[in-house]
Amino acid sequence: MSEQNDFERRLSQARQKQGLEKTPQTTAGGALPGGAWRIGLRAGTEVVSALIAGGGLGWLLDWWLGSFPWLFLVFFVVGGAAGVLNVYRLVNPRSGAR
């Protein structure tokens, strides 16, 4: 039995080294796994940054052209749509691969 256990241990180490098997991760104090937090924070960041970029670009164009608030509103909506599309791509990564 000792040879079998040694073989399993070496096989597991080789798989981890090649990236075929992930190392077991423990969470302290029953916290949520890092993956869920990471995805949630990234999704929020994607939406907020797209809204800021769209709104900022629209505000700058309105300031330059003197057409406030029309371009601001248009680019704010476009930024929101881009943020939602980025979150969709985040949670459904195979949607664009054909």
PDB file of N, CA and C in Angstrom:
ATOM      1  N   MET A   1       0.810  -1.197   0.000  1.00  0.00           N
ATOM      2  CA  MET A   1       0.000   0.000   0.000  1.00  0.00           C
ATOM      3  C   MET A   1       0.855   1.263   0.000  1.00  0.00           C
ATOM      4  N   SER A   2       2.010   1.218   0.575  1.00  0.00           N
ATOM      5  CA  SER A   2       2.882   2.379   0.655  1.00  0.00           C
ATOM      6  C   SER A   2       3.315   2.842  -0.730  1.00  0.00           C
ATOM      7  N   GLU A   3       3.589   1.892  -1.622  1.00  0.00           N
ATOM      8  CA  GLU A   3       3.988   2.246  -2.985  1.00  0.00           C
ATOM      9  C   GLU A   3       2.845   2.932  -3.728  1.00  0.00           C
ATOM     10  N   GLN A   4       1.620   2.466  -3.503  1.00  0.00           N
ATOM     11  CA  GLN A   4       0.456   3.060  -4.151  1.00  0.00           C
ATOM     12  C   GLN A   4       0.248   4.499  -3.674  1.00  0.00           C
ATOM     13  N   ASN A   5       0.362   4.738  -2.371  1.00  0.00           N
ATOM     14  CA  ASN A   5       0.210   6.086  -1.827  1.00  0.00           C
ATOM     15  C   ASN A   5       1.304   7.013  -2.345  1.00  0.00           C
ATOM     16  N   ASP A   6       2.525   6.509  -2.427  1.00  0.00           N
ATOM     17  CA  ASP A   6       3.639   7.303  -2.941  1.00  0.00           C
ATOM     18  C   ASP A   6       3.398   7.665  -4.407  1.00  0.00           C
ATOM     19  N   PHE A   7       2.908   6.694  -5.180  1.00  0.00           N
ATOM     20  CA  PHE A   7       2.615   6.945  -6.580  1.00  0.00           C
ATOM     21  C   PHE A   7       1.529   8.012  -6.734  1.00  0.00           C
ATOM     22  N   GLU A   8       0.462   7.908  -5.951  1.00  0.00           N
ATOM     23  CA  GLU A   8      -0.629   8.886  -6.018  1.00  0.00           C
ATOM     24  C   GLU A   8      -0.139  10.284  -5.650  1.00  0.00           C
ATOM     25  N   ARG A   9       0.714  10.365  -4.642  1.00  0.00           N
ATOM     26  CA  ARG A   9       1.250  11.655  -4.224  1.00  0.00           C
ATOM     27  C   ARG A   9       2.110  12.261  -5.333  1.00  0.00           C
ATOM     28  N   ARG A  10       2.994  11.472  -5.940  1.00  0.00           N
ATOM     29  CA  ARG A  10       3.850  11.971  -7.012  1.00  0.00           C
ATOM     30  C   ARG A  10       3.037  12.336  -8.252  1.00  0.00           C
ATOM     31  N   LEU A  11       2.001  11.548  -8.551  1.00  0.00           N
ATOM     32  CA  LEU A  11       1.140  11.849  -9.680  1.00  0.00           C
ATOM     33  C   LEU A  11       0.393  13.166  -9.466  1.00  0.00           C
ATOM     34  N   SER A  12      -0.103  13.369  -8.272  1.00  0.00           N
ATOM     35  CA  SER A  12      -0.797  14.607  -7.943  1.00  0.00           C
ATOM     36  C   SER A  12       0.143  15.809  -8.046  1.00  0.00           C
ATOM     37  N   GLN A  13       1.368  15.664  -7.560  1.00  0.00           N
ATOM     38  CA  GLN A  13       2.343  16.749  -7.653  1.00  0.00           C
ATOM     39  C   GLN A  13       2.675  17.065  -9.112  1.00  0.00           C
ATOM     40  N   ALA A  14       2.828  16.040  -9.937  1.00  0.00           N
ATOM     41  CA  ALA A  14       3.130  16.254 -11.353  1.00  0.00           C
ATOM     42  C   ALA A  14       1.968  16.961 -12.058  1.00  0.00           C
ATOM     43  N   ARG A  15       0.749  16.583 -11.724  1.00  0.00           N
ATOM     44  CA  ARG A  15      -0.419  17.234 -12.328  1.00  0.00           C
ATOM     45  C   ARG A  15      -0.517  18.694 -11.899  1.00  0.00           C
ATOM     46  N   GLN A  16      -0.231  18.977 -10.632  1.00  0.00           N
ATOM     47  CA  GLN A  16      -0.245  20.353 -10.156  1.00  0.00           C
ATOM     48  C   GLN A  16       0.822  21.176 -10.854  1.00  0.00           C
ATOM     49  N   LYS A  17       1.986  20.597 -11.056  1.00  0.00           N
ATOM     50  CA  LYS A  17       3.077  21.303 -11.714  1.00  0.00           C
ATOM     51  C   LYS A  17       2.717  21.629 -13.162  1.00  0.00           C
ATOM     52  N   GLN A  18       2.013  20.749 -13.829  1.00  0.00           N
ATOM     53  CA  GLN A  18       1.598  20.961 -15.217  1.00  0.00           C
ATOM     54  C   GLN A  18       0.346  21.824 -15.331  1.00  0.00           C
ATOM     55  N   GLY A  19      -0.302  22.121 -14.201  1.00  0.00           N
ATOM     56  CA  GLY A  19      -1.517  22.922 -14.222  1.00  0.00           C
ATOM     57  C   GLY A  19      -2.758  22.126 -14.539  1.00  0.00           C
ATOM     58  N   LEU A  20      -2.664  20.811 -14.489  1.00  0.00           N
ATOM     59  CA  LEU A  20      -3.820  19.964 -14.778  1.00  0.00           C
ATOM     60  C   LEU A  20      -4.702  19.745 -13.564  1.00  0.00           C
ATOM     61  N   GLU A  21      -4.159  19.955 -12.396  1.00  0.00           N
ATOM     62  CA  GLU A  21      -4.899  19.753 -11.155  1.00  0.00           C
ATOM     63  C   GLU A  21      -4.614  20.951 -10.263  1.00  0.00           C
ATOM     64  N   LYS A  22      -5.658  21.558  -9.773  1.00  0.00           N
ATOM     65  CA  LYS A  22      -5.486  22.726  -8.916  1.00  0.00           C
ATOM     66  C   LYS A  22      -5.203  22.298  -7.493  1.00  0.00           C
ATOM     67  N   THR A  23      -4.425  23.116  -6.813  1.00  0.00           N
ATOM     68  CA  THR A  23      -4.132  22.841  -5.412  1.00  0.00           C
ATOM     69  C   THR A  23      -5.370  23.160  -4.588  1.00  0.00           C
ATOM     70  N   PRO A  24      -5.671  22.373  -3.580  1.00  0.00           N
ATOM     71  CA  PRO A  24      -6.849  22.659  -2.754  1.00  0.00           C
ATOM     72  C   PRO A  24      -6.651  23.953  -1.969  1.00  0.00           C
ATOM     73  N   GLN A  25      -7.658  24.811  -2.019  1.00  0.00           N
ATOM     74  CA  GLN A  25      -7.591  26.076  -1.300  1.00  0.00           C
ATOM     75  C   GLN A  25      -8.560  26.037  -0.130  1.00  0.00           C
ATOM     76  N   THR A  26      -8.083  26.480   0.986  1.00  0.00           N
ATOM     77  CA  THR A  26      -8.937  26.539   2.166  1.00  0.00           C
ATOM     78  C   THR A  26      -9.333  27.978   2.415  1.00  0.00           C
ATOM     79  N   THR A  27     -10.552  28.167   2.900  1.00  0.00           N
ATOM     80  CA  THR A  27     -11.010  29.503   3.239  1.00  0.00           C
ATOM     81  C   THR A  27     -11.051  29.630   4.740  1.00  0.00           C
ATOM     82  N   ALA A  28     -10.607  30.750   5.227  1.00  0.00           N
ATOM     83  CA  ALA A  28     -10.537  30.982   6.665  1.00  0.00           C
ATOM     84  C   ALA A  28     -11.887  31.437   7.199  1.00  0.00           C
ATOM     85  N   GLY A  29     -12.321  30.830   8.257  1.00  0.00           N
ATOM     86  CA  GLY A  29     -13.526  31.276   8.956  1.00  0.00           C
ATOM     87  C   GLY A  29     -14.810  31.108   8.167  1.00  0.00           C
ATOM     88  N   GLY A  30     -14.869  30.197   7.235  1.00  0.00           N
ATOM     89  CA  GLY A  30     -16.094  29.981   6.480  1.00  0.00           C
ATOM     90  C   GLY A  30     -16.410  31.098   5.510  1.00  0.00           C
ATOM     91  N   ALA A  31     -15.417  31.871   5.096  1.00  0.00           N
ATOM     92  CA  ALA A  31     -15.646  32.968   4.162  1.00  0.00           C
ATOM     93  C   ALA A  31     -15.972  32.405   2.775  1.00  0.00           C
ATOM     94  N   LEU A  32     -16.572  33.239   1.967  1.00  0.00           N
ATOM     95  CA  LEU A  32     -16.874  32.836   0.605  1.00  0.00           C
ATOM     96  C   LEU A  32     -15.582  32.648  -0.176  1.00  0.00           C
ATOM     97  N   PRO A  33     -15.583  31.767  -1.148  1.00  0.00           N
ATOM     98  CA  PRO A  33     -14.373  31.595  -1.961  1.00  0.00           C
ATOM     99  C   PRO A  33     -14.028  32.875  -2.699  1.00  0.00           C
ATOM    100  N   GLY A  34     -12.760  33.078  -2.965  1.00  0.00           N
ATOM    101  CA  GLY A  34     -12.298  34.288  -3.628  1.00  0.00           C
ATOM    102  C   GLY A  34     -12.874  34.453  -5.015  1.00  0.00           C
ATOM    103  N   GLY A  35     -13.231  33.377  -5.691  1.00  0.00           N
ATOM    104  CA  GLY A  35     -13.739  33.460  -7.051  1.00  0.00           C
ATOM    105  C   GLY A  35     -15.038  34.244  -7.152  1.00  0.00           C
ATOM    106  N   ALA A  36     -15.950  34.025  -6.244  1.00  0.00           N
ATOM    107  CA  ALA A  36     -17.238  34.727  -6.289  1.00  0.00           C
ATOM    108  C   ALA A  36     -17.051  36.213  -6.031  1.00  0.00           C
ATOM    109  N   TRP A  37     -16.235  36.543  -5.061  1.00  0.00           N
ATOM    110  CA  TRP A  37     -15.954  37.958  -4.779  1.00  0.00           C
ATOM    111  C   TRP A  37     -15.249  38.618  -5.950  1.00  0.00           C
ATOM    112  N   ARG A  38     -14.320  37.900  -6.530  1.00  0.00           N
ATOM    113  CA  ARG A  38     -13.554  38.448  -7.647  1.00  0.00           C
ATOM    114  C   ARG A  38     -14.470  38.756  -8.830  1.00  0.00           C
ATOM    115  N   ILE A  39     -15.370  37.831  -9.158  1.00  0.00           N
ATOM    116  CA  ILE A  39     -16.277  38.048 -10.279  1.00  0.00           C
ATOM    117  C   ILE A  39     -17.237  39.194  -9.985  1.00  0.00           C
ATOM    118  N   GLY A  40     -17.754  39.239  -8.760  1.00  0.00           N
ATOM    119  CA  GLY A  40     -18.672  40.321  -8.398  1.00  0.00           C
ATOM    120  C   GLY A  40     -18.020  41.688  -8.429  1.00  0.00           C
ATOM    121  N   LEU A  41     -16.814  41.783  -7.901  1.00  0.00           N
ATOM    122  CA  LEU A  41     -16.110  43.064  -7.925  1.00  0.00           C
ATOM    123  C   LEU A  41     -15.752  43.473  -9.345  1.00  0.00           C
ATOM    124  N   ARG A  42     -15.358  42.508 -10.162  1.00  0.00           N
ATOM    125  CA  ARG A  42     -15.035  42.840 -11.548  1.00  0.00           C
ATOM    126  C   ARG A  42     -16.274  43.300 -12.300  1.00  0.00           C
ATOM    127  N   ALA A  43     -17.405  42.642 -12.075  1.00  0.00           N
ATOM    128  CA  ALA A  43     -18.644  43.037 -12.751  1.00  0.00           C
ATOM    129  C   ALA A  43     -19.036  44.462 -12.360  1.00  0.00           C
ATOM    130  N   GLY A  44     -18.957  44.768 -11.082  1.00  0.00           N
ATOM    131  CA  GLY A  44     -19.272  46.121 -10.632  1.00  0.00           C
ATOM    132  C   GLY A  44     -18.317  47.145 -11.208  1.00  0.00           C
ATOM    133  N   THR A  45     -17.047  46.808 -11.241  1.00  0.00           N
ATOM    134  CA  THR A  45     -16.051  47.716 -11.793  1.00  0.00           C
ATOM    135  C   THR A  45     -16.278  47.945 -13.279  1.00  0.00           C
ATOM    136  N   GLU A  46     -16.641  46.892 -14.000  1.00  0.00           N
ATOM    137  CA  GLU A  46     -16.904  47.022 -15.441  1.00  0.00           C
ATOM    138  C   GLU A  46     -18.043  48.003 -15.697  1.00  0.00           C
ATOM    139  N   VAL A  47     -19.133  47.865 -14.952  1.00  0.00           N
ATOM    140  CA  VAL A  47     -20.294  48.726 -15.179  1.00  0.00           C
ATOM    141  C   VAL A  47     -19.984  50.171 -14.784  1.00  0.00           C
ATOM    142  N   VAL A  48     -19.396  50.352 -13.610  1.00  0.00           N
ATOM    143  CA  VAL A  48     -19.117  51.708 -13.134  1.00  0.00           C
ATOM    144  C   VAL A  48     -18.113  52.413 -14.038  1.00  0.00           C
ATOM    145  N   SER A  49     -17.056  51.704 -14.444  1.00  0.00           N
ATOM    146  CA  SER A  49     -16.057  52.351 -15.293  1.00  0.00           C
ATOM    147  C   SER A  49     -16.628  52.690 -16.669  1.00  0.00           C
ATOM    148  N   ALA A  50     -17.494  51.834 -17.212  1.00  0.00           N
ATOM    149  CA  ALA A  50     -18.114  52.143 -18.497  1.00  0.00           C
ATOM    150  C   ALA A  50     -19.052  53.346 -18.381  1.00  0.00           C
ATOM    151  N   LEU A  51     -19.786  53.444 -17.276  1.00  0.00           N
ATOM    152  CA  LEU A  51     -20.659  54.600 -17.080  1.00  0.00           C
ATOM    153  C   LEU A  51     -19.854  55.887 -16.918  1.00  0.00           C
ATOM    154  N   ILE A  52     -18.761  55.818 -16.174  1.00  0.00           N
ATOM    155  CA  ILE A  52     -17.915  57.000 -15.985  1.00  0.00           C
ATOM    156  C   ILE A  52     -17.281  57.420 -17.304  1.00  0.00           C
ATOM    157  N   ALA A  53     -16.776  56.448 -18.062  1.00  0.00           N
ATOM    158  CA  ALA A  53     -16.150  56.769 -19.343  1.00  0.00           C
ATOM    159  C   ALA A  53     -17.167  57.362 -20.323  1.00  0.00           C
ATOM    160  N   GLY A  54     -18.328  56.750 -20.423  1.00  0.00           N
ATOM    161  CA  GLY A  54     -19.352  57.262 -21.326  1.00  0.00           C
ATOM    162  C   GLY A  54     -19.862  58.625 -20.910  1.00  0.00           C
ATOM    163  N   GLY A  55     -20.158  58.763 -19.621  1.00  0.00           N
ATOM    164  CA  GLY A  55     -20.631  60.052 -19.125  1.00  0.00           C
ATOM    165  C   GLY A  55     -19.579  61.145 -19.249  1.00  0.00           C
ATOM    166  N   GLY A  56     -18.332  60.792 -18.954  1.00  0.00           N
ATOM    167  CA  GLY A  56     -17.252  61.771 -19.069  1.00  0.00           C
ATOM    168  C   GLY A  56     -17.028  62.206 -20.503  1.00  0.00           C
ATOM    169  N   LEU A  57     -17.043  61.268 -21.421  1.00  0.00           N
ATOM    170  CA  LEU A  57     -16.873  61.604 -22.830  1.00  0.00           C
ATOM    171  C   LEU A  57     -18.041  62.465 -23.317  1.00  0.00           C
ATOM    172  N   GLY A  58     -19.247  62.098 -22.931  1.00  0.00           N
ATOM    173  CA  GLY A  58     -20.415  62.893 -23.313  1.00  0.00           C
ATOM    174  C   GLY A  58     -20.373  64.288 -22.725  1.00  0.00           C
ATOM    175  N   TRP A  59     -19.952  64.410 -21.478  1.00  0.00           N
ATOM    176  CA  TRP A  59     -19.852  65.727 -20.843  1.00  0.00           C
ATOM    177  C   TRP A  59     -18.806  66.587 -21.534  1.00  0.00           C
ATOM    178  N   LEU A  60     -17.648  65.986 -21.870  1.00  0.00           N
ATOM    179  CA  LEU A  60     -16.612  66.749 -22.569  1.00  0.00           C
ATOM    180  C   LEU A  60     -17.079  67.211 -23.947  1.00  0.00           C
ATOM    181  N   LEU A  61     -17.748  66.338 -24.668  1.00  0.00           N
ATOM    182  CA  LEU A  61     -18.264  66.740 -25.978  1.00  0.00           C
ATOM    183  C   LEU A  61     -19.335  67.813 -25.850  1.00  0.00           C
ATOM    184  N   ASP A  62     -20.206  67.698 -24.842  1.00  0.00           N
ATOM    185  CA  ASP A  62     -21.217  68.730 -24.608  1.00  0.00           C
ATOM    186  C   ASP A  62     -20.570  70.060 -24.248  1.00  0.00           C
ATOM    187  N   TRP A  63     -19.542  70.011 -23.424  1.00  0.00           N
ATOM    188  CA  TRP A  63     -18.841  71.235 -23.022  1.00  0.00           C
ATOM    189  C   TRP A  63     -18.180  71.889 -24.243  1.00  0.00           C
ATOM    190  N   TRP A  64     -17.586  71.041 -25.106  1.00  0.00           N
ATOM    191  CA  TRP A  64     -16.899  71.552 -26.282  1.00  0.00           C
ATOM    192  C   TRP A  64     -17.883  72.088 -27.323  1.00  0.00           C
ATOM    193  N   LEU A  65     -19.006  71.385 -27.522  1.00  0.00           N
ATOM    194  CA  LEU A  65     -19.967  71.772 -28.550  1.00  0.00           C
ATOM    195  C   LEU A  65     -21.102  72.646 -28.013  1.00  0.00           C
ATOM    196  N   GLY A  66     -21.245  72.750 -26.691  1.00  0.00           N
ATOM    197  CA  GLY A  66     -22.292  73.574 -26.096  1.00  0.00           C
ATOM    198  C   GLY A  66     -23.685  72.999 -26.269  1.00  0.00           C
ATOM    199  N   SER A  67     -23.803  71.710 -26.215  1.00  0.00           N
ATOM    200  CA  SER A  67     -25.109  71.074 -26.430  1.00  0.00           C
ATOM    201  C   SER A  67     -25.608  70.323 -25.204  1.00  0.00           C
ATOM    202  N   PHE A  68     -25.202  70.759 -24.005  1.00  0.00           N
ATOM    203  CA  PHE A  68     -25.566  70.060 -22.774  1.00  0.00           C
ATOM    204  C   PHE A  68     -27.070  69.975 -22.641  1.00  0.00           C
ATOM    205  N   PRO A  69     -27.682  68.894 -22.272  1.00  0.00           N
ATOM    206  CA  PRO A  69     -27.216  67.617 -21.756  1.00  0.00           C
ATOM    207  C   PRO A  69     -27.320  66.485 -22.763  1.00  0.00           C
ATOM    208  N   TRP A  70     -27.533  66.767 -24.041  1.00  0.00           N
ATOM    209  CA  TRP A  70     -27.900  65.724 -24.996  1.00  0.00           C
ATOM    210  C   TRP A  70     -26.809  64.686 -25.226  1.00  0.00           C
ATOM    211  N   LEU A  71     -25.613  65.099 -25.530  1.00  0.00           N
ATOM    212  CA  LEU A  71     -24.545  64.122 -25.757  1.00  0.00           C
ATOM    213  C   LEU A  71     -24.168  63.403 -24.468  1.00  0.00           C
ATOM    214  N   PHE A  72     -24.257  64.112 -23.347  1.00  0.00           N
ATOM    215  CA  PHE A  72     -24.007  63.460 -22.053  1.00  0.00           C
ATOM    216  C   PHE A  72     -24.969  62.299 -21.845  1.00  0.00           C
ATOM    217  N   LEU A  73     -26.246  62.531 -22.111  1.00  0.00           N
ATOM    218  CA  LEU A  73     -27.247  61.478 -21.927  1.00  0.00           C
ATOM    219  C   LEU A  73     -27.033  60.328 -22.899  1.00  0.00           C
ATOM    220  N   VAL A  74     -26.738  60.640 -24.152  1.00  0.00           N
ATOM    221  CA  VAL A  74     -26.529  59.595 -25.155  1.00  0.00           C
ATOM    222  C   VAL A  74     -25.328  58.736 -24.779  1.00  0.00           C
ATOM    223  N   PHE A  75     -24.203  59.367 -24.449  1.00  0.00           N
ATOM    224  CA  PHE A  75     -23.007  58.605 -24.132  1.00  0.00           C
ATOM    225  C   PHE A  75     -23.118  57.898 -22.781  1.00  0.00           C
ATOM    226  N   PHE A  76     -23.905  58.428 -21.856  1.00  0.00           N
ATOM    227  CA  PHE A  76     -24.140  57.743 -20.588  1.00  0.00           C
ATOM    228  C   PHE A  76     -24.893  56.435 -20.834  1.00  0.00           C
ATOM    229  N   VAL A  77     -25.902  56.479 -21.703  1.00  0.00           N
ATOM    230  CA  VAL A  77     -26.661  55.266 -22.043  1.00  0.00           C
ATOM    231  C   VAL A  77     -25.769  54.283 -22.802  1.00  0.00           C
ATOM    232  N   VAL A  78     -24.955  54.773 -23.738  1.00  0.00           N
ATOM    233  CA  VAL A  78     -24.048  53.902 -24.486  1.00  0.00           C
ATOM    234  C   VAL A  78     -23.029  53.271 -23.533  1.00  0.00           C
ATOM    235  N   GLY A  79     -22.517  54.042 -22.577  1.00  0.00           N
ATOM    236  CA  GLY A  79     -21.592  53.497 -21.578  1.00  0.00           C
ATOM    237  C   GLY A  79     -22.252  52.435 -20.721  1.00  0.00           C
ATOM    238  N   GLY A  80     -23.497  52.659 -20.335  1.00  0.00           N
ATOM    239  CA  GLY A  80     -24.224  51.653 -19.566  1.00  0.00           C
ATOM    240  C   GLY A  80     -24.429  50.372 -20.349  1.00  0.00           C
ATOM    241  N   ALA A  81     -24.751  50.512 -21.629  1.00  0.00           N
ATOM    242  CA  ALA A  81     -24.921  49.326 -22.476  1.00  0.00           C
ATOM    243  C   ALA A  81     -23.600  48.580 -22.631  1.00  0.00           C
ATOM    244  N   ALA A  82     -22.510  49.321 -22.775  1.00  0.00           N
ATOM    245  CA  ALA A  82     -21.195  48.682 -22.888  1.00  0.00           C
ATOM    246  C   ALA A  82     -20.837  47.957 -21.599  1.00  0.00           C
ATOM    247  N   GLY A  83     -21.161  48.545 -20.449  1.00  0.00           N
ATOM    248  CA  GLY A  83     -20.894  47.896 -19.170  1.00  0.00           C
ATOM    249  C   GLY A  83     -21.683  46.616 -19.000  1.00  0.00           C
ATOM    250  N   VAL A  84     -22.945  46.641 -19.379  1.00  0.00           N
ATOM    251  CA  VAL A  84     -23.775  45.438 -19.281  1.00  0.00           C
ATOM    252  C   VAL A  84     -23.269  44.365 -20.239  1.00  0.00           C
ATOM    253  N   LEU A  85     -22.850  44.766 -21.437  1.00  0.00           N
ATOM    254  CA  LEU A  85     -22.306  43.805 -22.398  1.00  0.00           C
ATOM    255  C   LEU A  85     -21.016  43.179 -21.862  1.00  0.00           C
ATOM    256  N   ASN A  86     -20.174  43.976 -21.205  1.00  0.00           N
ATOM    257  CA  ASN A  86     -18.952  43.435 -20.608  1.00  0.00           C
ATOM    258  C   ASN A  86     -19.262  42.442 -19.495  1.00  0.00           C
ATOM    259  N   VAL A  87     -20.263  42.724 -18.694  1.00  0.00           N
ATOM    260  CA  VAL A  87     -20.645  41.786 -17.631  1.00  0.00           C
ATOM    261  C   VAL A  87     -21.212  40.511 -18.248  1.00  0.00           C
ATOM    262  N   TYR A  88     -21.990  40.632 -19.316  1.00  0.00           N
ATOM    263  CA  TYR A  88     -22.512  39.442 -20.001  1.00  0.00           C
ATOM    264  C   TYR A  88     -21.363  38.587 -20.520  1.00  0.00           C
ATOM    265  N   ARG A  89     -20.361  39.229 -21.103  1.00  0.00           N
ATOM    266  CA  ARG A  89     -19.194  38.483 -21.585  1.00  0.00           C
ATOM    267  C   ARG A  89     -18.416  37.849 -20.434  1.00  0.00           C
ATOM    268  N   LEU A  90     -18.421  38.509 -19.292  1.00  0.00           N
ATOM    269  CA  LEU A  90     -17.724  37.971 -18.119  1.00  0.00           C
ATOM    270  C   LEU A  90     -18.384  36.697 -17.612  1.00  0.00           C
ATOM    271  N   VAL A  91     -19.701  36.699 -17.519  1.00  0.00           N
ATOM    272  CA  VAL A  91     -20.393  35.529 -16.959  1.00  0.00           C
ATOM    273  C   VAL A  91     -20.672  34.453 -18.007  1.00  0.00           C
ATOM    274  N   ASN A  92     -20.585  34.789 -19.287  1.00  0.00           N
ATOM    275  CA  ASN A  92     -20.806  33.828 -20.356  1.00  0.00           C
ATOM    276  C   ASN A  92     -19.643  33.915 -21.342  1.00  0.00           C
ATOM    277  N   PRO A  93     -18.488  33.378 -20.983  1.00  0.00           N
ATOM    278  CA  PRO A  93     -17.280  33.616 -21.784  1.00  0.00           C
ATOM    279  C   PRO A  93     -17.308  32.977 -23.163  1.00  0.00           C
ATOM    280  N   ARG A  94     -18.119  31.969 -23.393  1.00  0.00           N
ATOM    281  CA  ARG A  94     -18.120  31.285 -24.684  1.00  0.00           C
ATOM    282  C   ARG A  94     -19.134  31.886 -25.667  1.00  0.00           C
ATOM    283  N   SER A  95     -19.799  32.963 -25.287  1.00  0.00           N
ATOM    284  CA  SER A  95     -20.828  33.506 -26.160  1.00  0.00           C
ATOM    285  C   SER A  95     -20.265  34.062 -27.459  1.00  0.00           C
ATOM    286  N   GLY A  96     -19.061  34.624 -27.436  1.00  0.00           N
ATOM    287  CA  GLY A  96     -18.497  35.221 -28.641  1.00  0.00           C
ATOM    288  C   GLY A  96     -17.622  34.280 -29.427  1.00  0.00           C
ATOM    289  N   ALA A  97     -17.297  33.104 -28.900  1.00  0.00           N
ATOM    290  CA  ALA A  97     -16.401  32.176 -29.584  1.00  0.00           C
ATOM    291  C   ALA A  97     -17.176  31.238 -30.482  1.00  0.00           C
ATOM    292  N   ARG A  98     -17.050  31.412 -31.765  1.00  0.00           N
ATOM    293  CA  ARG A  98     -17.729  30.530 -32.730  1.00  0.00           C
ATOM    294  C   ARG A  98     -16.796  30.126 -33.806  1.00  0.00           C
TER     295      ARG A  98
END
